[in-house]
Amino acid sequence: MADQRKLEIRDLQKRFGAVHATQGVNLAVRPGELHALIGPNGAGKTTLLSQISGEILPDAGSILLDGRDITRMPAYKRPAAGLARSFQISQLYPGFTAEDNVAMAVQAHSPGGFNLWKNARRLPQLREPARQALERVGLGGRGDVQVSALAHGEKRQLELAMALSLDASLLLLDEPMAGMGAEESQRMTALLQELKGRYAILLVEHDMDAVFALADRITVLVYGKTIFTGTPDEVRRHPDVRAAYLGEEE
């Protein structure tokens, strides 16, 4: 049977001076799978996502998306290839409305790229995808609200809407629940549960309740190395994972 993997990372290596940020990372995200990446602070999770999205180029190894090698593809071309990333720290324009922000994301990744001379407020080919993306994340009634007036959880929803607006098939989500309260985290968990199966998702998240509730499979990263990949139950039971990350020793 042909390989059905959406994303495949093979022996990825990255050094920053003496720091070996990724050490031969191997990881695969299947179509429609929500695959979580967990590990202690400094494990290299965000650095790995930055290599997948193109912000950082690896020193060695390869990144394949639908069988296509994108290892050296510039970051700005990766959304058109089917990959979108939301960031650990929100990348939003606070002086614009929620709908404006999504419309500008659509425009920035449309043929011709971002053009300040075109008014995104007046282009239906930008506004309609923006409205649809806001509806999908539960912000359908908040499109006219200025970003600076949105609650923290709503800003994270907006950032996810911007990623969805790019019509990507693989989403890289970097701590979407960072800074959220319990109620906001529950809403985001429910939203990601709805997106499962429609997108391949690689999720970095410190909220372990959300990770174990959402993930089909989990990869554990420690000091830039993948030490185990398995189902949530397998990860809970694995002695190396418990000793290295979950805080339990045999």
Protein backbone atom coordinates (compact mmCIF):
# COMPACT_ATOMS: atom_id res chain seq x y z
CA MET A 1 0.00 0.00 0.00
CA ALA A 2 1.28 3.47 -0.88
CA ASP A 3 2.47 5.75 1.93
CA GLN A 4 -0.51 7.84 3.06
CA ARG A 5 1.37 10.19 5.36
CA LYS A 6 0.57 13.90 5.16
CA LEU A 7 3.78 15.05 6.87
CA GLU A 8 6.98 13.10 7.28
CA ILE A 9 10.13 14.31 9.05
CA ARG A 10 13.27 12.28 8.50
CA ASP A 11 16.37 12.58 10.69
CA LEU A 12 16.03 16.34 11.18
CA GLN A 13 19.10 18.05 12.65
CA LYS A 14 19.64 21.62 13.84
CA ARG A 15 22.47 23.15 15.88
CA PHE A 16 22.81 26.62 17.38
CA GLY A 17 26.49 26.71 18.33
CA ALA A 18 26.97 24.07 21.01
CA VAL A 19 23.23 23.52 21.41
CA HIS A 20 21.84 20.59 19.43
CA ALA A 21 18.21 21.74 19.15
CA THR A 22 16.98 18.80 17.08
CA GLN A 23 18.90 15.54 17.05
CA GLY A 24 17.76 13.19 14.34
CA VAL A 25 14.04 13.83 14.79
CA ASN A 26 11.72 11.39 12.99
CA LEU A 27 7.99 12.06 13.03
CA ALA A 28 4.94 11.47 10.81
CA VAL A 29 1.49 13.05 10.85
CA ARG A 30 -1.17 11.09 8.96
CA PRO A 31 -4.07 12.63 7.01
CA GLY A 32 -6.83 13.69 9.41
CA GLU A 33 -4.73 12.88 12.48
CA LEU A 34 -4.26 15.14 15.47
CA HIS A 35 -0.68 14.41 16.49
CA ALA A 36 0.58 16.06 19.68
CA LEU A 37 4.21 16.95 20.35
CA ILE A 38 5.04 17.19 24.05
CA GLY A 39 8.18 17.62 26.10
CA PRO A 40 9.69 19.74 28.88
CA ASN A 41 10.66 23.37 28.36
CA GLY A 42 13.74 23.58 26.18
CA ALA A 43 13.04 20.24 24.49
CA GLY A 44 13.09 21.87 21.04
CA LYS A 45 9.37 21.77 20.22
CA THR A 46 9.01 25.32 18.88
CA THR A 47 12.34 25.03 17.04
CA LEU A 48 11.02 21.90 15.34
CA LEU A 49 7.81 23.67 14.30
CA SER A 50 9.89 26.58 12.98
CA GLN A 51 11.81 24.17 10.77
CA ILE A 52 8.60 22.59 9.47
CA SER A 53 7.10 26.00 8.68
CA GLY A 54 10.33 27.33 7.12
CA GLU A 55 11.30 30.06 9.58
CA ILE A 56 14.44 28.05 10.38
CA LEU A 57 16.28 25.84 7.91
CA PRO A 58 17.60 22.52 9.25
CA ASP A 59 21.26 21.57 8.99
CA ALA A 60 20.38 18.07 7.79
CA GLY A 61 17.44 15.77 7.27
CA SER A 62 14.28 16.24 5.25
CA ILE A 63 10.66 17.42 5.56
CA LEU A 64 8.07 15.93 3.21
CA LEU A 65 4.51 17.18 2.75
CA ASP A 66 2.30 14.80 0.75
CA GLY A 67 5.49 13.19 -0.49
CA ARG A 68 6.92 16.50 -1.72
CA ASP A 69 10.26 17.58 -0.27
CA ILE A 70 9.76 21.07 1.22
CA THR A 71 12.94 21.10 3.35
CA ARG A 72 14.42 24.13 1.56
CA MET A 73 11.17 25.75 0.43
CA PRO A 74 10.90 29.41 1.59
CA ALA A 75 8.46 29.96 4.44
CA TYR A 76 6.20 32.25 2.39
CA LYS A 77 5.58 29.47 -0.15
CA ARG A 78 4.56 26.80 2.35
CA PRO A 79 0.94 27.94 2.87
CA ALA A 80 0.31 27.49 -0.86
CA ALA A 81 1.78 23.98 -0.51
CA GLY A 82 -0.87 23.21 2.14
CA LEU A 83 0.78 24.12 5.45
CA ALA A 84 -0.34 26.80 7.92
CA ARG A 85 1.03 27.68 11.35
CA SER A 86 -0.41 29.53 14.33
CA PHE A 87 2.14 31.00 16.69
CA GLN A 88 2.80 30.66 20.40
CA ILE A 89 2.56 34.46 20.72
CA SER A 90 -0.34 35.94 18.79
CA GLN A 91 0.65 37.66 15.53
CA LEU A 92 -2.29 40.05 15.21
CA TYR A 93 -2.95 43.67 14.18
CA PRO A 94 -4.70 45.15 17.26
CA GLY A 95 -5.88 48.32 15.47
CA PHE A 96 -7.91 46.36 12.90
CA THR A 97 -11.07 44.31 13.26
CA ALA A 98 -11.08 40.54 13.56
CA GLU A 99 -12.40 40.23 10.00
CA ASP A 100 -9.74 42.63 8.71
CA ASN A 101 -7.01 40.46 10.23
CA VAL A 102 -8.28 37.30 8.56
CA ALA A 103 -8.82 39.10 5.23
CA MET A 104 -5.23 40.35 5.32
CA ALA A 105 -4.01 36.80 5.99
CA VAL A 106 -5.94 35.63 2.93
CA GLN A 107 -4.54 38.48 0.85
CA ALA A 108 -0.95 37.92 2.00
CA HIS A 109 -1.04 34.34 0.72
CA SER A 110 -3.04 34.96 -2.46
CA PRO A 111 -1.35 35.13 -5.89
CA GLY A 112 0.47 38.45 -6.00
CA GLY A 113 0.92 38.49 -2.25
CA PHE A 114 0.18 41.29 0.16
CA ASN A 115 -0.50 44.63 -1.50
CA LEU A 116 -1.14 47.65 0.70
CA TRP A 117 -2.62 49.55 -2.25
CA LYS A 118 -5.56 47.17 -2.38
CA ASN A 119 -8.23 47.77 0.25
CA ALA A 120 -8.94 44.37 1.81
CA ARG A 121 -12.19 45.76 3.25
CA ARG A 122 -13.69 46.02 -0.24
CA LEU A 123 -12.60 42.80 -1.92
CA PRO A 124 -15.26 40.07 -1.68
CA GLN A 125 -12.73 37.40 -2.63
CA LEU A 126 -10.97 38.21 0.65
CA ARG A 127 -13.96 39.02 2.86
CA GLU A 128 -15.96 35.86 2.21
CA PRO A 129 -13.16 33.42 3.16
CA ALA A 130 -12.50 35.60 6.22
CA ARG A 131 -16.13 35.39 7.34
CA GLN A 132 -16.23 31.64 6.79
CA ALA A 133 -13.06 31.13 8.82
CA LEU A 134 -14.44 33.25 11.69
CA GLU A 135 -17.65 31.20 11.67
CA ARG A 136 -15.68 27.97 11.90
CA VAL A 137 -13.89 29.05 15.08
CA GLY A 138 -16.98 30.47 16.77
CA LEU A 139 -16.31 34.17 16.09
CA GLY A 140 -19.03 34.68 13.49
CA GLY A 141 -20.59 37.51 15.47
CA ARG A 142 -17.28 39.19 16.35
CA GLY A 143 -15.90 40.07 12.93
CA ASP A 144 -16.50 43.82 13.34
CA VAL A 145 -14.82 43.99 16.76
CA GLN A 146 -11.38 45.58 16.96
CA VAL A 147 -8.73 43.04 17.97
CA SER A 148 -7.63 45.15 20.93
CA ALA A 149 -11.14 44.68 22.39
CA LEU A 150 -11.16 40.89 22.09
CA ALA A 151 -10.64 38.65 25.09
CA HIS A 152 -7.43 36.59 25.21
CA GLY A 153 -9.23 33.40 24.27
CA GLU A 154 -10.92 35.11 21.36
CA LYS A 155 -7.54 36.27 20.07
CA ARG A 156 -6.35 32.68 20.04
CA GLN A 157 -9.52 31.70 18.17
CA LEU A 158 -8.82 34.51 15.71
CA GLU A 159 -5.28 33.29 15.15
CA LEU A 160 -6.67 29.84 14.37
CA ALA A 161 -9.18 31.41 11.96
CA MET A 162 -6.27 33.08 10.15
CA ALA A 163 -4.58 29.69 9.74
CA LEU A 164 -7.81 28.08 8.52
CA SER A 165 -8.40 30.87 6.01
CA LEU A 166 -5.30 29.75 4.07
CA ASP A 167 -7.11 26.58 2.97
CA ALA A 168 -4.28 24.43 4.28
CA SER A 169 -4.51 20.69 4.83
CA LEU A 170 -1.88 20.59 7.61
CA LEU A 171 -2.06 22.88 10.64
CA LEU A 172 0.87 23.53 12.98
CA LEU A 173 -0.55 24.78 16.27
CA ASP A 174 1.93 26.17 18.79
CA GLU A 175 0.36 26.28 22.27
CA PRO A 176 -3.11 27.52 21.23
CA MET A 177 -4.24 27.40 24.88
CA ALA A 178 -1.32 29.42 26.30
CA GLY A 179 -2.56 31.93 28.88
CA MET A 180 -6.14 30.68 28.80
CA GLY A 181 -8.35 30.08 31.80
CA ALA A 182 -10.18 26.79 32.32
CA GLU A 183 -13.34 27.85 30.49
CA GLU A 184 -11.41 29.25 27.50
CA SER A 185 -9.30 26.08 27.33
CA GLN A 186 -12.45 23.96 27.27
CA ARG A 187 -13.83 25.98 24.36
CA MET A 188 -10.56 25.66 22.42
CA THR A 189 -10.44 21.92 23.12
CA ALA A 190 -13.98 21.55 21.77
CA LEU A 191 -13.04 23.57 18.68
CA LEU A 192 -9.98 21.42 17.96
CA GLN A 193 -12.11 18.31 18.48
CA GLU A 194 -14.41 19.58 15.70
CA LEU A 195 -11.45 20.14 13.37
CA LYS A 196 -10.07 16.63 13.88
CA GLY A 197 -10.42 14.50 10.80
CA ARG A 198 -10.83 17.52 8.51
CA TYR A 199 -7.18 18.55 8.84
CA ALA A 200 -3.91 16.91 9.72
CA ILE A 201 -2.84 18.74 12.89
CA LEU A 202 0.51 18.85 14.67
CA LEU A 203 -0.17 20.30 18.12
CA VAL A 204 2.35 21.61 20.65
CA GLU A 205 0.57 22.16 23.95
CA HIS A 206 1.42 22.16 27.67
CA ASP A 207 -2.17 21.52 28.78
CA MET A 208 -1.87 17.76 29.29
CA ASP A 209 -5.59 17.29 29.90
CA ALA A 210 -6.26 18.74 26.45
CA VAL A 211 -3.43 16.75 24.83
CA PHE A 212 -4.64 13.40 26.16
CA ALA A 213 -8.25 14.22 25.31
CA LEU A 214 -7.49 15.28 21.73
CA ALA A 215 -4.48 13.39 20.39
CA ASP A 216 -4.67 10.31 18.21
CA ARG A 217 -0.93 9.86 18.73
CA ILE A 218 1.70 11.67 20.79
CA THR A 219 5.41 12.14 20.16
CA VAL A 220 7.61 12.93 23.16
CA LEU A 221 10.60 15.21 22.53
CA VAL A 222 13.40 15.49 25.12
CA TYR A 223 16.61 17.47 24.50
CA GLY A 224 15.89 17.57 20.77
CA LYS A 225 15.34 13.82 20.48
CA THR A 226 12.11 11.92 19.89
CA ILE A 227 12.10 9.30 22.64
CA PHE A 228 8.70 7.75 21.95
CA THR A 229 5.62 7.93 19.72
CA GLY A 230 2.38 6.17 20.56
CA THR A 231 -1.24 6.48 21.56
CA PRO A 232 -2.13 8.50 24.68
CA ASP A 233 -2.48 5.28 26.70
CA GLU A 234 0.89 4.01 25.48
CA VAL A 235 2.54 7.32 26.36
CA ARG A 236 1.04 7.27 29.86
CA ARG A 237 2.40 3.78 30.48
CA HIS A 238 5.85 4.17 28.91
CA PRO A 239 8.52 4.17 31.67
CA ASP A 240 10.98 6.43 29.82
CA VAL A 241 8.27 9.03 29.21
CA ARG A 242 7.12 8.91 32.81
CA ALA A 243 10.68 9.35 34.08
CA ALA A 244 11.70 12.05 31.60
CA TYR A 245 8.54 14.11 31.34
CA LEU A 246 5.48 13.05 33.31
CA GLY A 247 7.39 13.29 36.57
CA GLU A 248 7.21 9.69 37.70
CA GLU A 249 10.00 7.20 38.22
CA GLU A 250 9.82 3.44 38.08
